[in-house]
Amino acid sequence: MIRNLKIVKVNTEYCDYLRTFDSKVPYNAGIKELRPFIGVLFKIDKLEYFAPLSSPKEKHKTLKNTLDIYKIDNGKLGIINFNNMIPITKDNYTQIFFNKKTDNKEENLRLFLLQNQYRFLIKDIKTLLNKSKVLYNLYKENKLPKNVKDRCCNFMLLEEKSKEYKKDKVKI
């Protein structure tokens, strides 16, 4: 069982590649370029699964924890969108370390938020790991409610395309 979570930045080109097969893959460029993902939630073969973190918004406080959404500190610190988790290989992400300080106040605030999110999530790691795996298995077994399945990335297709990514990248 995986016991350590990472906060990472996923390669923008990798997300763009996956999005050509599934429009639910989160954008990770431009303003969202620093969108962090939480992982490793689980592994299948050599693929690791990561889920996007969302910054706190007022609406998060009123959302319910569902099969595919996890509220971080009751939404005060944002949410995790398990429905948008993606398979990834180690060469397509960069781990974010919290000891990095810059002169950019906005970036320092973002790192401070990530630290707080991480501290909260690490305390509830069993719930995170279980929730991600349950959602994945229900999706795979075609047992999710339609409204939840419609929000989810196509995990099986993305696994297949993730394995092909390196080959396609070499051709470019």
N, C-alpha and C. Protein backbone atom coordinates (compact mmCIF):
# COMPACT_ATOMS: atom_id res chain seq x y z
N MET A 1 0.84 -1.19 0.00
CA MET A 1 0.00 0.00 0.00
C MET A 1 0.88 1.25 0.00
N ILE A 2 0.44 2.25 -0.72
CA ILE A 2 1.17 3.51 -0.82
C ILE A 2 0.88 4.33 0.42
N ARG A 3 1.91 4.89 1.00
CA ARG A 3 1.73 5.64 2.23
C ARG A 3 2.20 7.08 2.12
N ASN A 4 2.84 7.44 1.02
CA ASN A 4 3.29 8.82 0.97
C ASN A 4 2.62 9.56 -0.18
N LEU A 5 2.11 10.70 0.13
CA LEU A 5 1.46 11.54 -0.87
C LEU A 5 2.47 12.56 -1.37
N LYS A 6 2.33 12.94 -2.62
CA LYS A 6 3.17 13.97 -3.22
C LYS A 6 2.25 15.06 -3.76
N ILE A 7 2.75 16.27 -3.73
CA ILE A 7 2.09 17.36 -4.44
C ILE A 7 2.98 17.60 -5.66
N VAL A 8 2.39 17.55 -6.84
CA VAL A 8 3.17 17.64 -8.07
C VAL A 8 2.56 18.62 -9.06
N LYS A 9 3.37 19.01 -10.00
CA LYS A 9 2.91 19.74 -11.17
C LYS A 9 3.06 18.77 -12.34
N VAL A 10 1.97 18.56 -13.05
CA VAL A 10 1.98 17.64 -14.18
C VAL A 10 2.39 18.38 -15.45
N ASN A 11 3.19 17.73 -16.27
CA ASN A 11 3.65 18.28 -17.53
C ASN A 11 2.45 18.72 -18.37
N THR A 12 2.47 19.98 -18.81
CA THR A 12 1.37 20.56 -19.58
C THR A 12 1.11 19.80 -20.87
N GLU A 13 2.18 19.43 -21.57
CA GLU A 13 2.03 18.71 -22.84
C GLU A 13 1.37 17.34 -22.62
N TYR A 14 1.70 16.72 -21.51
CA TYR A 14 1.10 15.43 -21.18
C TYR A 14 -0.42 15.58 -20.99
N CYS A 15 -0.83 16.59 -20.22
CA CYS A 15 -2.27 16.84 -20.02
C CYS A 15 -2.95 17.16 -21.35
N ASP A 16 -2.30 17.98 -22.18
CA ASP A 16 -2.86 18.31 -23.50
C ASP A 16 -3.03 17.06 -24.35
N TYR A 17 -2.04 16.18 -24.30
CA TYR A 17 -2.10 14.91 -25.05
C TYR A 17 -3.30 14.08 -24.58
N LEU A 18 -3.42 13.89 -23.27
CA LEU A 18 -4.54 13.09 -22.75
C LEU A 18 -5.89 13.73 -23.09
N ARG A 19 -5.94 15.05 -23.08
CA ARG A 19 -7.20 15.75 -23.36
C ARG A 19 -7.67 15.53 -24.80
N THR A 20 -6.75 15.17 -25.70
CA THR A 20 -7.18 14.87 -27.07
C THR A 20 -8.03 13.60 -27.12
N PHE A 21 -7.96 12.79 -26.07
CA PHE A 21 -8.75 11.56 -25.99
C PHE A 21 -9.91 11.68 -25.01
N ASP A 22 -9.80 12.61 -24.06
CA ASP A 22 -10.85 12.78 -23.04
C ASP A 22 -10.88 14.24 -22.60
N SER A 23 -11.96 14.91 -22.93
CA SER A 23 -12.07 16.36 -22.64
C SER A 23 -12.17 16.67 -21.15
N LYS A 24 -12.35 15.67 -20.31
CA LYS A 24 -12.45 15.91 -18.86
C LYS A 24 -11.08 16.01 -18.17
N VAL A 25 -10.01 15.73 -18.90
CA VAL A 25 -8.67 15.90 -18.33
C VAL A 25 -8.48 17.38 -18.04
N PRO A 26 -8.07 17.73 -16.82
CA PRO A 26 -7.95 19.14 -16.44
C PRO A 26 -6.92 19.90 -17.27
N TYR A 27 -7.25 21.16 -17.51
CA TYR A 27 -6.28 22.06 -18.16
C TYR A 27 -5.15 22.33 -17.19
N ASN A 28 -3.97 22.48 -17.73
CA ASN A 28 -2.80 22.68 -16.89
C ASN A 28 -1.83 23.64 -17.57
N ALA A 29 -2.38 24.69 -18.17
CA ALA A 29 -1.54 25.66 -18.88
C ALA A 29 -2.05 27.06 -18.63
N GLY A 30 -1.25 28.02 -18.99
CA GLY A 30 -1.64 29.42 -18.82
C GLY A 30 -1.82 29.74 -17.36
N ILE A 31 -2.96 30.30 -17.01
CA ILE A 31 -3.25 30.68 -15.63
C ILE A 31 -3.22 29.45 -14.72
N LYS A 32 -3.65 28.32 -15.24
CA LYS A 32 -3.71 27.08 -14.44
C LYS A 32 -2.39 26.32 -14.48
N GLU A 33 -1.33 26.92 -15.03
CA GLU A 33 -0.07 26.20 -15.21
C GLU A 33 0.48 25.63 -13.91
N LEU A 34 0.21 26.27 -12.81
CA LEU A 34 0.72 25.77 -11.54
C LEU A 34 -0.30 24.89 -10.82
N ARG A 35 -1.33 24.44 -11.55
CA ARG A 35 -2.33 23.58 -10.92
C ARG A 35 -1.64 22.38 -10.30
N PRO A 36 -1.76 22.25 -9.00
CA PRO A 36 -1.12 21.10 -8.36
C PRO A 36 -2.03 19.87 -8.39
N PHE A 37 -1.42 18.72 -8.37
CA PHE A 37 -2.12 17.45 -8.27
C PHE A 37 -1.62 16.77 -7.00
N ILE A 38 -2.48 15.99 -6.36
CA ILE A 38 -2.09 15.21 -5.20
C ILE A 38 -1.88 13.77 -5.65
N GLY A 39 -0.84 13.15 -5.24
CA GLY A 39 -0.57 11.77 -5.62
C GLY A 39 0.52 11.24 -4.72
N VAL A 40 0.87 10.07 -4.73
CA VAL A 40 0.40 8.95 -5.53
C VAL A 40 -0.80 8.35 -4.80
N LEU A 41 -1.94 8.30 -5.44
CA LEU A 41 -3.12 7.74 -4.80
C LEU A 41 -3.11 6.22 -4.88
N PHE A 42 -2.76 5.71 -6.04
CA PHE A 42 -2.60 4.27 -6.19
C PHE A 42 -1.84 4.01 -7.47
N LYS A 43 -1.40 2.77 -7.65
CA LYS A 43 -0.65 2.37 -8.84
C LYS A 43 -1.36 1.23 -9.54
N ILE A 44 -1.26 1.25 -10.86
CA ILE A 44 -1.71 0.13 -11.68
C ILE A 44 -0.58 -0.12 -12.66
N ASP A 45 0.00 -1.29 -12.59
CA ASP A 45 1.20 -1.60 -13.35
C ASP A 45 2.26 -0.53 -13.01
N LYS A 46 2.75 0.19 -14.02
CA LYS A 46 3.76 1.22 -13.76
C LYS A 46 3.16 2.62 -13.71
N LEU A 47 1.86 2.71 -13.79
CA LEU A 47 1.19 4.01 -13.79
C LEU A 47 0.78 4.39 -12.37
N GLU A 48 0.99 5.66 -12.05
CA GLU A 48 0.53 6.21 -10.77
C GLU A 48 -0.69 7.08 -11.07
N TYR A 49 -1.60 7.15 -10.12
CA TYR A 49 -2.77 8.00 -10.29
C TYR A 49 -2.66 9.24 -9.42
N PHE A 50 -2.97 10.40 -10.02
CA PHE A 50 -2.96 11.68 -9.34
C PHE A 50 -4.31 12.36 -9.56
N ALA A 51 -4.73 13.15 -8.60
CA ALA A 51 -5.99 13.89 -8.71
C ALA A 51 -5.72 15.38 -8.54
N PRO A 52 -6.42 16.22 -9.30
CA PRO A 52 -6.18 17.66 -9.20
C PRO A 52 -6.73 18.26 -7.91
N LEU A 53 -5.96 19.16 -7.36
CA LEU A 53 -6.39 19.95 -6.21
C LEU A 53 -7.05 21.21 -6.74
N SER A 54 -8.02 21.68 -6.03
CA SER A 54 -8.66 22.94 -6.39
C SER A 54 -8.49 23.91 -5.23
N SER A 55 -8.15 25.16 -5.54
CA SER A 55 -8.01 26.20 -4.53
C SER A 55 -9.36 26.46 -3.87
N PRO A 56 -9.35 26.97 -2.64
CA PRO A 56 -10.61 27.23 -1.93
C PRO A 56 -11.49 28.25 -2.66
N LYS A 57 -12.78 27.93 -2.69
CA LYS A 57 -13.80 28.82 -3.23
C LYS A 57 -14.98 28.77 -2.26
N GLU A 58 -15.76 29.81 -2.21
CA GLU A 58 -16.91 29.84 -1.30
C GLU A 58 -17.83 28.64 -1.52
N LYS A 59 -18.05 28.28 -2.80
CA LYS A 59 -18.97 27.17 -3.10
C LYS A 59 -18.50 25.84 -2.51
N HIS A 60 -17.20 25.69 -2.27
CA HIS A 60 -16.68 24.43 -1.71
C HIS A 60 -17.23 24.17 -0.31
N LYS A 61 -17.51 25.23 0.43
CA LYS A 61 -18.01 25.07 1.80
C LYS A 61 -19.40 24.46 1.83
N THR A 62 -20.18 24.65 0.76
CA THR A 62 -21.55 24.12 0.73
C THR A 62 -21.67 22.80 -0.02
N LEU A 63 -20.60 22.43 -0.75
CA LEU A 63 -20.62 21.14 -1.44
C LEU A 63 -20.64 20.00 -0.43
N LYS A 64 -21.12 18.86 -0.87
CA LYS A 64 -21.08 17.67 -0.04
C LYS A 64 -19.89 16.82 -0.47
N ASN A 65 -19.31 16.10 0.49
CA ASN A 65 -18.34 15.08 0.13
C ASN A 65 -19.11 13.99 -0.60
N THR A 66 -18.68 13.69 -1.81
CA THR A 66 -19.36 12.67 -2.62
C THR A 66 -18.34 11.61 -3.02
N LEU A 67 -18.78 10.68 -3.84
CA LEU A 67 -17.88 9.64 -4.33
C LEU A 67 -16.65 10.23 -5.01
N ASP A 68 -16.82 11.35 -5.71
CA ASP A 68 -15.74 11.89 -6.53
C ASP A 68 -15.17 13.22 -6.04
N ILE A 69 -15.66 13.73 -4.92
CA ILE A 69 -15.15 15.00 -4.38
C ILE A 69 -14.79 14.81 -2.91
N TYR A 70 -13.64 15.35 -2.55
CA TYR A 70 -13.18 15.33 -1.16
C TYR A 70 -12.94 16.77 -0.75
N LYS A 71 -13.67 17.21 0.27
CA LYS A 71 -13.51 18.57 0.78
C LYS A 71 -12.34 18.59 1.77
N ILE A 72 -11.39 19.49 1.51
CA ILE A 72 -10.23 19.62 2.39
C ILE A 72 -10.58 20.60 3.50
N ASP A 73 -10.60 20.10 4.73
CA ASP A 73 -10.99 20.91 5.90
C ASP A 73 -12.35 21.56 5.67
N ASN A 74 -13.33 20.72 5.33
CA ASN A 74 -14.71 21.16 5.06
C ASN A 74 -14.81 22.19 3.95
N GLY A 75 -13.88 22.16 3.02
CA GLY A 75 -13.89 23.08 1.88
C GLY A 75 -13.10 24.36 2.12
N LYS A 76 -12.69 24.60 3.34
CA LYS A 76 -11.93 25.83 3.65
C LYS A 76 -10.59 25.87 2.92
N LEU A 77 -10.04 24.69 2.64
CA LEU A 77 -8.75 24.61 1.95
C LEU A 77 -8.89 24.08 0.53
N GLY A 78 -10.11 24.07 0.00
CA GLY A 78 -10.34 23.60 -1.36
C GLY A 78 -10.88 22.18 -1.40
N ILE A 79 -10.76 21.57 -2.56
CA ILE A 79 -11.26 20.20 -2.75
C ILE A 79 -10.29 19.41 -3.62
N ILE A 80 -10.48 18.10 -3.61
CA ILE A 80 -9.81 17.20 -4.56
C ILE A 80 -10.89 16.67 -5.48
N ASN A 81 -10.64 16.75 -6.78
CA ASN A 81 -11.57 16.25 -7.79
C ASN A 81 -11.13 14.85 -8.23
N PHE A 82 -11.58 13.84 -7.52
CA PHE A 82 -11.20 12.46 -7.88
C PHE A 82 -11.73 12.07 -9.25
N ASN A 83 -12.83 12.66 -9.66
CA ASN A 83 -13.39 12.35 -10.98
C ASN A 83 -12.42 12.73 -12.10
N ASN A 84 -11.52 13.67 -11.84
CA ASN A 84 -10.55 14.11 -12.85
C ASN A 84 -9.15 13.56 -12.61
N MET A 85 -9.04 12.49 -11.80
CA MET A 85 -7.70 11.92 -11.59
C MET A 85 -7.23 11.28 -12.89
N ILE A 86 -5.91 11.30 -13.05
CA ILE A 86 -5.31 10.80 -14.28
C ILE A 86 -4.16 9.85 -13.96
N PRO A 87 -3.94 8.88 -14.86
CA PRO A 87 -2.77 8.02 -14.73
C PRO A 87 -1.55 8.76 -15.28
N ILE A 88 -0.41 8.51 -14.70
CA ILE A 88 0.78 9.24 -15.12
C ILE A 88 2.04 8.42 -14.81
N THR A 89 3.07 8.68 -15.58
CA THR A 89 4.36 8.04 -15.31
C THR A 89 5.29 9.09 -14.69
N LYS A 90 6.32 8.61 -14.00
CA LYS A 90 7.21 9.49 -13.25
C LYS A 90 7.88 10.57 -14.10
N ASP A 91 8.06 10.31 -15.38
CA ASP A 91 8.75 11.29 -16.22
C ASP A 91 7.83 12.41 -16.70
N ASN A 92 6.58 12.43 -16.25
CA ASN A 92 5.64 13.46 -16.69
C ASN A 92 5.13 14.34 -15.56
N TYR A 93 5.83 14.36 -14.45
CA TYR A 93 5.49 15.29 -13.38
C TYR A 93 6.73 15.71 -12.62
N THR A 94 6.60 16.83 -11.93
CA THR A 94 7.66 17.37 -11.09
C THR A 94 7.10 17.57 -9.70
N GLN A 95 7.78 17.05 -8.72
CA GLN A 95 7.30 17.21 -7.34
C GLN A 95 7.50 18.65 -6.88
N ILE A 96 6.51 19.16 -6.15
CA ILE A 96 6.59 20.50 -5.58
C ILE A 96 7.10 20.36 -4.15
N PHE A 97 8.15 21.10 -3.86
CA PHE A 97 8.71 21.10 -2.50
C PHE A 97 8.36 22.41 -1.83
N PHE A 98 8.04 22.35 -0.56
CA PHE A 98 7.53 23.51 0.16
C PHE A 98 8.61 24.45 0.68
N ASN A 99 9.85 24.04 0.65
CA ASN A 99 10.90 24.88 1.21
C ASN A 99 11.38 25.95 0.24
N LYS A 100 10.81 25.98 -0.93
CA LYS A 100 11.17 26.97 -1.94
C LYS A 100 10.54 28.32 -1.58
N LYS A 101 11.34 29.36 -1.49
CA LYS A 101 10.85 30.71 -1.23
C LYS A 101 11.28 31.61 -2.37
N THR A 102 10.39 32.50 -2.78
CA THR A 102 10.71 33.42 -3.86
C THR A 102 10.35 34.84 -3.43
N ASP A 103 10.67 35.79 -4.27
CA ASP A 103 10.28 37.18 -4.04
C ASP A 103 8.84 37.43 -4.49
N ASN A 104 8.26 36.44 -5.16
CA ASN A 104 6.91 36.57 -5.67
C ASN A 104 5.91 36.24 -4.55
N LYS A 105 5.21 37.26 -4.08
CA LYS A 105 4.28 37.10 -2.96
C LYS A 105 3.16 36.11 -3.29
N GLU A 106 2.64 36.19 -4.51
CA GLU A 106 1.55 35.31 -4.93
C GLU A 106 1.99 33.84 -4.92
N GLU A 107 3.20 33.59 -5.41
CA GLU A 107 3.71 32.21 -5.41
C GLU A 107 3.93 31.71 -3.99
N ASN A 108 4.43 32.56 -3.10
CA ASN A 108 4.63 32.17 -1.70
C ASN A 108 3.29 31.85 -1.03
N LEU A 109 2.24 32.61 -1.35
CA LEU A 109 0.91 32.33 -0.80
C LEU A 109 0.39 30.99 -1.32
N ARG A 110 0.66 30.71 -2.60
CA ARG A 110 0.23 29.44 -3.19
C ARG A 110 0.94 28.28 -2.50
N LEU A 111 2.24 28.44 -2.25
CA LEU A 111 3.00 27.38 -1.56
C LEU A 111 2.51 27.19 -0.13
N PHE A 112 2.15 28.29 0.54
CA PHE A 112 1.61 28.21 1.90
C PHE A 112 0.29 27.44 1.90
N LEU A 113 -0.57 27.72 0.92
CA LEU A 113 -1.83 26.98 0.80
C LEU A 113 -1.55 25.50 0.57
N LEU A 114 -0.62 25.18 -0.32
CA LEU A 114 -0.28 23.78 -0.59
C LEU A 114 0.22 23.07 0.66
N GLN A 115 1.04 23.77 1.45
CA GLN A 115 1.53 23.19 2.71
C GLN A 115 0.36 22.86 3.63
N ASN A 116 -0.58 23.78 3.75
CA ASN A 116 -1.74 23.56 4.62
C ASN A 116 -2.62 22.43 4.09
N GLN A 117 -2.82 22.38 2.78
CA GLN A 117 -3.59 21.29 2.18
C GLN A 117 -2.90 19.96 2.47
N TYR A 118 -1.60 19.92 2.25
CA TYR A 118 -0.84 18.69 2.45
C TYR A 118 -0.92 18.22 3.90
N ARG A 119 -0.72 19.14 4.84
CA ARG A 119 -0.79 18.78 6.27
C ARG A 119 -2.15 18.18 6.62
N PHE A 120 -3.21 18.75 6.09
CA PHE A 120 -4.54 18.22 6.36
C PHE A 120 -4.72 16.86 5.71
N LEU A 121 -4.30 16.72 4.46
CA LEU A 121 -4.52 15.48 3.70
C LEU A 121 -3.73 14.31 4.25
N ILE A 122 -2.51 14.56 4.68
CA ILE A 122 -1.66 13.47 5.17
C ILE A 122 -2.27 12.84 6.42
N LYS A 123 -3.03 13.63 7.18
CA LYS A 123 -3.70 13.09 8.38
C LYS A 123 -4.86 12.17 8.01
N ASP A 124 -5.38 12.32 6.80
CA ASP A 124 -6.55 11.55 6.37
C ASP A 124 -6.20 10.67 5.17
N ILE A 125 -4.96 10.22 5.11
CA ILE A 125 -4.46 9.49 3.95
C ILE A 125 -5.27 8.22 3.65
N LYS A 126 -5.70 7.52 4.68
CA LYS A 126 -6.48 6.29 4.45
C LYS A 126 -7.77 6.59 3.70
N THR A 127 -8.44 7.66 4.08
CA THR A 127 -9.68 8.05 3.41
C THR A 127 -9.41 8.40 1.94
N LEU A 128 -8.35 9.15 1.70
CA LEU A 128 -8.01 9.55 0.32
C LEU A 128 -7.73 8.34 -0.55
N LEU A 129 -6.88 7.46 -0.04
CA LEU A 129 -6.51 6.27 -0.81
C LEU A 129 -7.73 5.40 -1.07
N ASN A 130 -8.55 5.21 -0.06
CA ASN A 130 -9.74 4.38 -0.20
C ASN A 130 -10.72 5.01 -1.19
N LYS A 131 -10.95 6.30 -1.04
CA LYS A 131 -11.93 6.98 -1.90
C LYS A 131 -11.51 6.92 -3.37
N SER A 132 -10.23 7.14 -3.65
CA SER A 132 -9.76 7.11 -5.03
C SER A 132 -9.90 5.71 -5.62
N LYS A 133 -9.55 4.72 -4.84
CA LYS A 133 -9.61 3.33 -5.31
C LYS A 133 -11.06 2.87 -5.51
N VAL A 134 -11.95 3.24 -4.58
CA VAL A 134 -13.37 2.87 -4.71
C VAL A 134 -13.96 3.48 -5.97
N LEU A 135 -13.71 4.77 -6.19
CA LEU A 135 -14.23 5.43 -7.39
C LEU A 135 -13.70 4.74 -8.65
N TYR A 136 -12.41 4.48 -8.68
CA TYR A 136 -11.80 3.82 -9.83
C TYR A 136 -12.44 2.46 -10.09
N ASN A 137 -12.57 1.64 -9.05
CA ASN A 137 -13.13 0.29 -9.21
C ASN A 137 -14.59 0.33 -9.63
N LEU A 138 -15.37 1.23 -9.06
CA LEU A 138 -16.78 1.35 -9.46
C LEU A 138 -16.89 1.79 -10.92
N TYR A 139 -16.00 2.68 -11.33
CA TYR A 139 -15.98 3.12 -12.74
C TYR A 139 -15.65 1.92 -13.64
N LYS A 140 -14.60 1.22 -13.27
CA LYS A 140 -14.14 0.07 -14.07
C LYS A 140 -15.22 -1.01 -14.18
N GLU A 141 -15.96 -1.22 -13.09
CA GLU A 141 -17.01 -2.24 -13.07
C GLU A 141 -18.35 -1.72 -13.60
N ASN A 142 -18.35 -0.48 -14.07
CA ASN A 142 -19.55 0.16 -14.60
C ASN A 142 -20.69 0.18 -13.57
N LYS A 143 -20.35 0.50 -12.31
CA LYS A 143 -21.33 0.51 -11.23
C LYS A 143 -21.53 1.89 -10.63
N LEU A 144 -21.01 2.92 -11.29
CA LEU A 144 -21.19 4.28 -10.78
C LEU A 144 -22.55 4.83 -11.19
N PRO A 145 -23.15 5.66 -10.36
CA PRO A 145 -24.36 6.37 -10.81
C PRO A 145 -24.01 7.17 -12.07
N LYS A 146 -24.95 7.28 -12.98
CA LYS A 146 -24.70 7.95 -14.27
C LYS A 146 -24.15 9.36 -14.10
N ASN A 147 -24.72 10.13 -13.17
CA ASN A 147 -24.26 11.51 -13.00
C ASN A 147 -22.80 11.58 -12.55
N VAL A 148 -22.35 10.62 -11.77
CA VAL A 148 -20.94 10.59 -11.34
C VAL A 148 -20.06 10.12 -12.49
N LYS A 149 -20.47 9.05 -13.16
CA LYS A 149 -19.68 8.52 -14.28
C LYS A 149 -19.50 9.59 -15.36
N ASP A 150 -20.55 10.37 -15.60
CA ASP A 150 -20.47 11.43 -16.62
C ASP A 150 -19.45 12.51 -16.28
N ARG A 151 -19.13 12.66 -14.99
CA ARG A 151 -18.14 13.67 -14.56
C ARG A 151 -16.71 13.12 -14.59
N CYS A 152 -16.58 11.80 -14.67
CA CYS A 152 -15.26 11.16 -14.55
C CYS A 152 -14.51 11.11 -15.88
N CYS A 153 -13.19 11.20 -15.75
CA CYS A 153 -12.33 10.88 -16.88
C CYS A 153 -12.52 9.41 -17.21
N ASN A 154 -12.21 9.03 -18.44
CA ASN A 154 -12.27 7.64 -18.84
C ASN A 154 -10.94 6.98 -18.44
N PHE A 155 -10.91 6.45 -17.23
CA PHE A 155 -9.67 5.94 -16.66
C PHE A 155 -9.01 4.86 -17.52
N MET A 156 -9.79 3.94 -18.04
CA MET A 156 -9.22 2.84 -18.82
C MET A 156 -8.58 3.37 -20.11
N LEU A 157 -9.28 4.25 -20.79
CA LEU A 157 -8.74 4.83 -22.03
C LEU A 157 -7.47 5.62 -21.74
N LEU A 158 -7.48 6.41 -20.67
CA LEU A 158 -6.31 7.22 -20.33
C LEU A 158 -5.11 6.35 -19.94
N GLU A 159 -5.36 5.22 -19.32
CA GLU A 159 -4.25 4.30 -19.01
C GLU A 159 -3.60 3.82 -20.30
N GLU A 160 -4.42 3.43 -21.25
CA GLU A 160 -3.92 2.95 -22.54
C GLU A 160 -3.12 4.06 -23.24
N LYS A 161 -3.67 5.26 -23.28
CA LYS A 161 -3.02 6.38 -23.98
C LYS A 161 -1.77 6.85 -23.23
N SER A 162 -1.78 6.75 -21.92
CA SER A 162 -0.61 7.13 -21.13
C SER A 162 0.58 6.25 -21.49
N LYS A 163 0.32 4.97 -21.68
CA LYS A 163 1.39 4.03 -22.03
C LYS A 163 1.94 4.32 -23.43
N GLU A 164 1.11 4.89 -24.29
CA GLU A 164 1.53 5.21 -25.66
C GLU A 164 2.20 6.57 -25.75
N TYR A 165 2.09 7.38 -24.73
CA TYR A 165 2.56 8.77 -24.79
C TYR A 165 4.03 8.89 -25.15
N LYS A 166 4.88 8.11 -24.55
CA LYS A 166 6.31 8.21 -24.83
C LYS A 166 6.61 7.92 -26.29
N LYS A 167 5.93 6.90 -26.85
CA LYS A 167 6.12 6.56 -28.25
C LYS A 167 5.73 7.74 -29.14
N ASP A 168 4.55 8.32 -28.87
CA ASP A 168 4.07 9.45 -29.66
C ASP A 168 5.00 10.65 -29.52
N LYS A 169 5.50 10.86 -28.31
CA LYS A 169 6.37 12.01 -28.04
C LYS A 169 7.67 11.91 -28.87
N VAL A 170 8.18 10.72 -29.03
CA VAL A 170 9.42 10.51 -29.78
C VAL A 170 9.21 10.85 -31.27
N LYS A 171 8.01 10.56 -31.79
CA LYS A 171 7.70 10.80 -33.20
C LYS A 171 7.63 12.29 -33.52
N ILE A 172 7.33 13.11 -32.54
CA ILE A 172 7.11 14.55 -32.78
C ILE A 172 8.41 15.25 -33.12
